[in-house]
Amino acid sequence: MGYNLTVTPKGYGGLIEMVVGIDDEGKLIDIKILSHTETPGLGAKAADPAFSDQFEKKNVDRIVITKSAPTEENEVQAISGATITSSAVADGVNTALEYWSKNLKGEGNK
């Protein structure tokens, strides 16, 4: 069991509509970009598995974007040339994690 939370962070080209999957323990399951208006070839890569798969199965309270290869569990490598978009996606994930922590934590066991 878990939760799918829809969030819409503001990216470089506009709003990014995405779903964040979180299990009952607060672990990220996956993210899915539903729609965006990001720059083709740059920010649009946020929907590609090469970027979005980095969020899978992370057991963290907060995601941090890094320009280099991640060295910590909470780090995700930014898309080259699309730091604003990368940060927006991380902000969306962090918003979902915060919402889960404040409003849904412990609900799955009831």
N, C-alpha and C. Protein backbone atom coordinates (compact mmCIF):
# COMPACT_ATOMS: atom_id res chain seq x y z
N MET A 1 0.85 -1.18 0.00
CA MET A 1 0.00 0.00 0.00
C MET A 1 0.89 1.24 0.00
N GLY A 2 0.34 2.33 -0.36
CA GLY A 2 1.07 3.58 -0.38
C GLY A 2 0.19 4.69 -0.90
N TYR A 3 0.84 5.76 -1.32
CA TYR A 3 0.12 6.95 -1.75
C TYR A 3 0.72 7.47 -3.04
N ASN A 4 -0.14 7.97 -3.92
CA ASN A 4 0.27 8.69 -5.12
C ASN A 4 -0.17 10.13 -4.93
N LEU A 5 0.78 11.03 -4.81
CA LEU A 5 0.48 12.43 -4.58
C LEU A 5 0.82 13.24 -5.82
N THR A 6 -0.14 14.02 -6.30
CA THR A 6 0.08 14.87 -7.47
C THR A 6 0.55 16.23 -7.00
N VAL A 7 1.64 16.69 -7.59
CA VAL A 7 2.20 18.01 -7.27
C VAL A 7 2.49 18.74 -8.57
N THR A 8 2.55 20.06 -8.51
CA THR A 8 2.82 20.87 -9.72
C THR A 8 3.83 21.96 -9.41
N PRO A 9 5.11 21.58 -9.31
CA PRO A 9 6.14 22.60 -9.10
C PRO A 9 6.33 23.45 -10.35
N LYS A 10 6.88 24.64 -10.15
CA LYS A 10 7.15 25.55 -11.27
C LYS A 10 8.55 25.29 -11.81
N GLY A 11 8.62 24.89 -13.07
CA GLY A 11 9.89 24.65 -13.74
C GLY A 11 10.34 25.87 -14.52
N TYR A 12 11.30 25.69 -15.39
CA TYR A 12 11.82 26.78 -16.21
C TYR A 12 10.78 27.28 -17.20
N GLY A 13 10.03 26.34 -17.81
CA GLY A 13 9.07 26.70 -18.85
C GLY A 13 7.63 26.78 -18.38
N GLY A 14 7.40 26.57 -17.10
CA GLY A 14 6.03 26.59 -16.57
C GLY A 14 5.84 25.49 -15.55
N LEU A 15 4.59 25.16 -15.29
CA LEU A 15 4.29 24.15 -14.29
C LEU A 15 4.62 22.75 -14.80
N ILE A 16 5.10 21.93 -13.88
CA ILE A 16 5.39 20.52 -14.17
C ILE A 16 4.40 19.71 -13.34
N GLU A 17 3.50 19.01 -14.00
CA GLU A 17 2.55 18.16 -13.28
C GLU A 17 3.17 16.78 -13.13
N MET A 18 3.24 16.31 -11.90
CA MET A 18 3.88 15.02 -11.66
C MET A 18 3.21 14.28 -10.51
N VAL A 19 3.41 12.98 -10.49
CA VAL A 19 2.90 12.13 -9.41
C VAL A 19 4.11 11.56 -8.68
N VAL A 20 4.03 11.60 -7.36
CA VAL A 20 5.08 11.05 -6.50
C VAL A 20 4.48 9.88 -5.72
N GLY A 21 5.06 8.71 -5.88
CA GLY A 21 4.61 7.53 -5.15
C GLY A 21 5.42 7.37 -3.88
N ILE A 22 4.72 7.24 -2.74
CA ILE A 22 5.36 7.09 -1.44
C ILE A 22 4.71 5.91 -0.73
N ASP A 23 5.53 5.01 -0.17
CA ASP A 23 4.94 3.87 0.53
C ASP A 23 4.53 4.27 1.95
N ASP A 24 3.95 3.32 2.68
CA ASP A 24 3.44 3.60 4.03
C ASP A 24 4.53 4.01 5.02
N GLU A 25 5.78 3.69 4.70
CA GLU A 25 6.89 4.03 5.59
C GLU A 25 7.55 5.36 5.21
N GLY A 26 7.07 5.99 4.15
CA GLY A 26 7.65 7.27 3.72
C GLY A 26 8.77 7.14 2.72
N LYS A 27 8.98 5.94 2.19
CA LYS A 27 10.02 5.71 1.19
C LYS A 27 9.47 6.05 -0.19
N LEU A 28 10.26 6.77 -0.97
CA LEU A 28 9.86 7.08 -2.35
C LEU A 28 9.78 5.78 -3.14
N ILE A 29 8.70 5.62 -3.85
CA ILE A 29 8.55 4.46 -4.72
C ILE A 29 9.01 4.83 -6.12
N ASP A 30 8.49 5.96 -6.62
CA ASP A 30 8.76 6.36 -8.00
C ASP A 30 8.18 7.75 -8.23
N ILE A 31 8.59 8.38 -9.31
CA ILE A 31 7.94 9.62 -9.75
C ILE A 31 7.56 9.45 -11.21
N LYS A 32 6.56 10.19 -11.62
CA LYS A 32 6.13 10.17 -13.03
C LYS A 32 5.75 11.59 -13.42
N ILE A 33 6.38 12.10 -14.47
CA ILE A 33 6.03 13.41 -15.01
C ILE A 33 4.82 13.21 -15.91
N LEU A 34 3.73 13.90 -15.60
CA LEU A 34 2.50 13.77 -16.39
C LEU A 34 2.45 14.77 -17.53
N SER A 35 2.85 16.02 -17.25
CA SER A 35 2.87 17.04 -18.30
C SER A 35 3.86 18.14 -17.91
N HIS A 36 4.37 18.81 -18.93
CA HIS A 36 5.32 19.90 -18.71
C HIS A 36 5.43 20.74 -19.97
N THR A 37 6.03 21.90 -19.84
CA THR A 37 6.32 22.77 -21.00
C THR A 37 7.80 23.15 -20.99
N GLU A 38 8.63 22.21 -20.57
CA GLU A 38 10.06 22.47 -20.47
C GLU A 38 10.71 22.41 -21.86
N THR A 39 11.90 22.96 -21.96
CA THR A 39 12.62 23.06 -23.23
C THR A 39 12.96 21.67 -23.78
N PRO A 40 12.55 21.40 -25.03
CA PRO A 40 12.91 20.11 -25.64
C PRO A 40 14.43 19.92 -25.65
N GLY A 41 14.87 18.72 -25.33
CA GLY A 41 16.30 18.41 -25.33
C GLY A 41 17.02 18.83 -24.07
N LEU A 42 16.37 19.62 -23.22
CA LEU A 42 16.99 20.04 -21.95
C LEU A 42 16.07 19.64 -20.81
N GLY A 43 15.24 20.59 -20.37
CA GLY A 43 14.34 20.32 -19.25
C GLY A 43 13.35 19.20 -19.51
N ALA A 44 13.03 18.99 -20.79
CA ALA A 44 12.10 17.90 -21.13
C ALA A 44 12.66 16.54 -20.73
N LYS A 45 13.97 16.46 -20.54
CA LYS A 45 14.60 15.21 -20.12
C LYS A 45 14.20 14.79 -18.71
N ALA A 46 13.51 15.66 -17.99
CA ALA A 46 13.05 15.31 -16.64
C ALA A 46 12.11 14.11 -16.68
N ALA A 47 11.42 13.93 -17.80
CA ALA A 47 10.49 12.80 -17.94
C ALA A 47 11.21 11.51 -18.35
N ASP A 48 12.48 11.62 -18.74
CA ASP A 48 13.23 10.44 -19.17
C ASP A 48 13.65 9.59 -17.97
N PRO A 49 13.64 8.27 -18.13
CA PRO A 49 14.07 7.39 -17.04
C PRO A 49 15.48 7.68 -16.51
N ALA A 50 16.38 8.16 -17.37
CA ALA A 50 17.74 8.45 -16.92
C ALA A 50 17.74 9.45 -15.76
N PHE A 51 16.76 10.34 -15.73
CA PHE A 51 16.64 11.29 -14.62
C PHE A 51 15.65 10.79 -13.57
N SER A 52 14.45 10.48 -14.00
CA SER A 52 13.39 10.15 -13.04
C SER A 52 13.67 8.88 -12.24
N ASP A 53 14.38 7.93 -12.81
CA ASP A 53 14.68 6.68 -12.08
C ASP A 53 15.60 6.91 -10.89
N GLN A 54 16.30 8.05 -10.85
CA GLN A 54 17.18 8.35 -9.72
C GLN A 54 16.40 8.51 -8.41
N PHE A 55 15.11 8.79 -8.51
CA PHE A 55 14.28 9.01 -7.32
C PHE A 55 13.73 7.71 -6.74
N GLU A 56 13.82 6.62 -7.50
CA GLU A 56 13.22 5.35 -7.09
C GLU A 56 13.84 4.80 -5.81
N LYS A 57 12.95 4.34 -4.94
CA LYS A 57 13.32 3.59 -3.73
C LYS A 57 14.26 4.34 -2.80
N LYS A 58 14.13 5.65 -2.76
CA LYS A 58 14.95 6.45 -1.84
C LYS A 58 14.22 6.58 -0.51
N ASN A 59 14.92 6.28 0.56
CA ASN A 59 14.35 6.37 1.90
C ASN A 59 14.94 7.62 2.57
N VAL A 60 14.41 8.77 2.18
CA VAL A 60 14.94 10.05 2.65
C VAL A 60 13.79 10.99 3.01
N ASP A 61 14.12 12.03 3.77
CA ASP A 61 13.14 13.06 4.12
C ASP A 61 13.12 14.18 3.09
N ARG A 62 14.24 14.33 2.38
CA ARG A 62 14.39 15.46 1.47
C ARG A 62 15.37 15.10 0.36
N ILE A 63 15.06 15.52 -0.86
CA ILE A 63 15.94 15.31 -2.01
C ILE A 63 16.76 16.58 -2.25
N VAL A 64 18.03 16.38 -2.57
CA VAL A 64 18.93 17.49 -2.89
C VAL A 64 19.47 17.26 -4.29
N ILE A 65 19.47 18.30 -5.11
CA ILE A 65 20.02 18.22 -6.47
C ILE A 65 21.51 18.55 -6.42
N THR A 66 22.29 17.75 -7.13
CA THR A 66 23.73 17.99 -7.22
C THR A 66 24.13 18.00 -8.69
N LYS A 67 25.13 18.79 -9.03
CA LYS A 67 25.59 18.86 -10.43
C LYS A 67 26.54 17.71 -10.76
N SER A 68 27.12 17.10 -9.74
CA SER A 68 28.03 15.97 -9.96
C SER A 68 27.35 14.67 -9.55
N ALA A 69 28.06 13.58 -9.71
CA ALA A 69 27.49 12.28 -9.36
C ALA A 69 27.12 12.25 -7.88
N PRO A 70 25.95 11.73 -7.56
CA PRO A 70 25.51 11.69 -6.16
C PRO A 70 26.45 10.84 -5.29
N THR A 71 26.69 11.33 -4.08
CA THR A 71 27.50 10.58 -3.12
C THR A 71 26.70 10.25 -1.86
N GLU A 72 25.53 10.84 -1.73
CA GLU A 72 24.66 10.60 -0.58
C GLU A 72 23.32 10.06 -1.05
N GLU A 73 22.63 9.33 -0.19
CA GLU A 73 21.33 8.73 -0.51
C GLU A 73 20.30 9.76 -0.95
N ASN A 74 20.37 10.96 -0.38
CA ASN A 74 19.35 11.98 -0.67
C ASN A 74 19.67 12.83 -1.91
N GLU A 75 20.76 12.52 -2.60
CA GLU A 75 21.17 13.32 -3.76
C GLU A 75 20.70 12.71 -5.08
N VAL A 76 20.35 13.61 -6.00
CA VAL A 76 19.98 13.25 -7.37
C VAL A 76 20.76 14.16 -8.30
N GLN A 77 21.37 13.61 -9.34
CA GLN A 77 22.16 14.41 -10.26
C GLN A 77 21.25 15.19 -11.20
N ALA A 78 21.52 16.50 -11.31
CA ALA A 78 20.75 17.39 -12.17
C ALA A 78 20.93 17.01 -13.64
N ILE A 79 19.97 17.38 -14.43
CA ILE A 79 20.07 17.25 -15.88
C ILE A 79 21.01 18.36 -16.35
N SER A 80 22.03 18.01 -17.12
CA SER A 80 22.98 19.00 -17.61
C SER A 80 22.25 20.05 -18.44
N GLY A 81 22.42 21.32 -18.09
CA GLY A 81 21.78 22.41 -18.81
C GLY A 81 20.35 22.68 -18.39
N ALA A 82 19.88 21.95 -17.37
CA ALA A 82 18.49 22.11 -16.93
C ALA A 82 18.39 22.05 -15.40
N THR A 83 19.24 22.83 -14.76
CA THR A 83 19.26 22.84 -13.29
C THR A 83 17.95 23.34 -12.70
N ILE A 84 17.33 24.32 -13.32
CA ILE A 84 16.06 24.86 -12.80
C ILE A 84 14.99 23.78 -12.85
N THR A 85 14.90 23.08 -13.95
CA THR A 85 13.91 22.00 -14.07
C THR A 85 14.21 20.89 -13.07
N SER A 86 15.47 20.50 -12.96
CA SER A 86 15.86 19.45 -12.01
C SER A 86 15.47 19.84 -10.59
N SER A 87 15.75 21.08 -10.24
CA SER A 87 15.41 21.57 -8.90
C SER A 87 13.91 21.62 -8.69
N ALA A 88 13.17 21.97 -9.73
CA ALA A 88 11.71 22.01 -9.63
C ALA A 88 11.14 20.62 -9.36
N VAL A 89 11.66 19.61 -10.04
CA VAL A 89 11.20 18.24 -9.81
C VAL A 89 11.52 17.83 -8.37
N ALA A 90 12.73 18.14 -7.92
CA ALA A 90 13.10 17.83 -6.53
C ALA A 90 12.19 18.57 -5.56
N ASP A 91 11.86 19.82 -5.85
CA ASP A 91 10.93 20.58 -5.00
C ASP A 91 9.57 19.89 -4.93
N GLY A 92 9.11 19.39 -6.07
CA GLY A 92 7.84 18.67 -6.10
C GLY A 92 7.89 17.41 -5.24
N VAL A 93 8.98 16.67 -5.34
CA VAL A 93 9.15 15.47 -4.52
C VAL A 93 9.19 15.86 -3.05
N ASN A 94 9.94 16.91 -2.73
CA ASN A 94 10.05 17.34 -1.33
C ASN A 94 8.70 17.81 -0.79
N THR A 95 7.91 18.47 -1.61
CA THR A 95 6.57 18.89 -1.20
C THR A 95 5.71 17.66 -0.87
N ALA A 96 5.78 16.64 -1.72
CA ALA A 96 5.02 15.42 -1.49
C ALA A 96 5.49 14.71 -0.22
N LEU A 97 6.80 14.62 -0.02
CA LEU A 97 7.34 13.98 1.18
C LEU A 97 6.91 14.72 2.44
N GLU A 98 6.95 16.05 2.38
CA GLU A 98 6.53 16.86 3.53
C GLU A 98 5.04 16.67 3.82
N TYR A 99 4.23 16.65 2.77
CA TYR A 99 2.79 16.44 2.94
C TYR A 99 2.54 15.07 3.57
N TRP A 100 3.21 14.05 3.07
CA TRP A 100 3.05 12.70 3.62
C TRP A 100 3.41 12.71 5.11
N SER A 101 4.54 13.31 5.45
CA SER A 101 5.00 13.33 6.83
C SER A 101 4.02 14.03 7.77
N LYS A 102 3.44 15.13 7.32
CA LYS A 102 2.54 15.92 8.16
C LYS A 102 1.11 15.40 8.19
N ASN A 103 0.67 14.74 7.11
CA ASN A 103 -0.75 14.40 6.98
C ASN A 103 -1.09 12.93 6.84
N LEU A 104 -0.16 12.12 6.37
CA LEU A 104 -0.49 10.73 6.05
C LEU A 104 0.32 9.70 6.83
N LYS A 105 1.40 10.12 7.43
CA LYS A 105 2.28 9.21 8.17
C LYS A 105 1.46 8.46 9.22
N GLY A 106 1.56 7.15 9.19
CA GLY A 106 0.83 6.33 10.14
C GLY A 106 -0.57 5.96 9.72
N GLU A 107 -1.10 6.60 8.68
CA GLU A 107 -2.48 6.32 8.24
C GLU A 107 -2.61 4.94 7.60
N GLY A 108 -1.55 4.45 6.98
CA GLY A 108 -1.62 3.17 6.28
C GLY A 108 -1.77 1.98 7.22
N ASN A 109 -1.49 2.17 8.48
CA ASN A 109 -1.58 1.08 9.45
C ASN A 109 -2.91 1.04 10.18
N LYS A 110 -3.83 1.91 9.84
CA LYS A 110 -5.12 1.98 10.54
C LYS A 110 -6.16 1.13 9.87
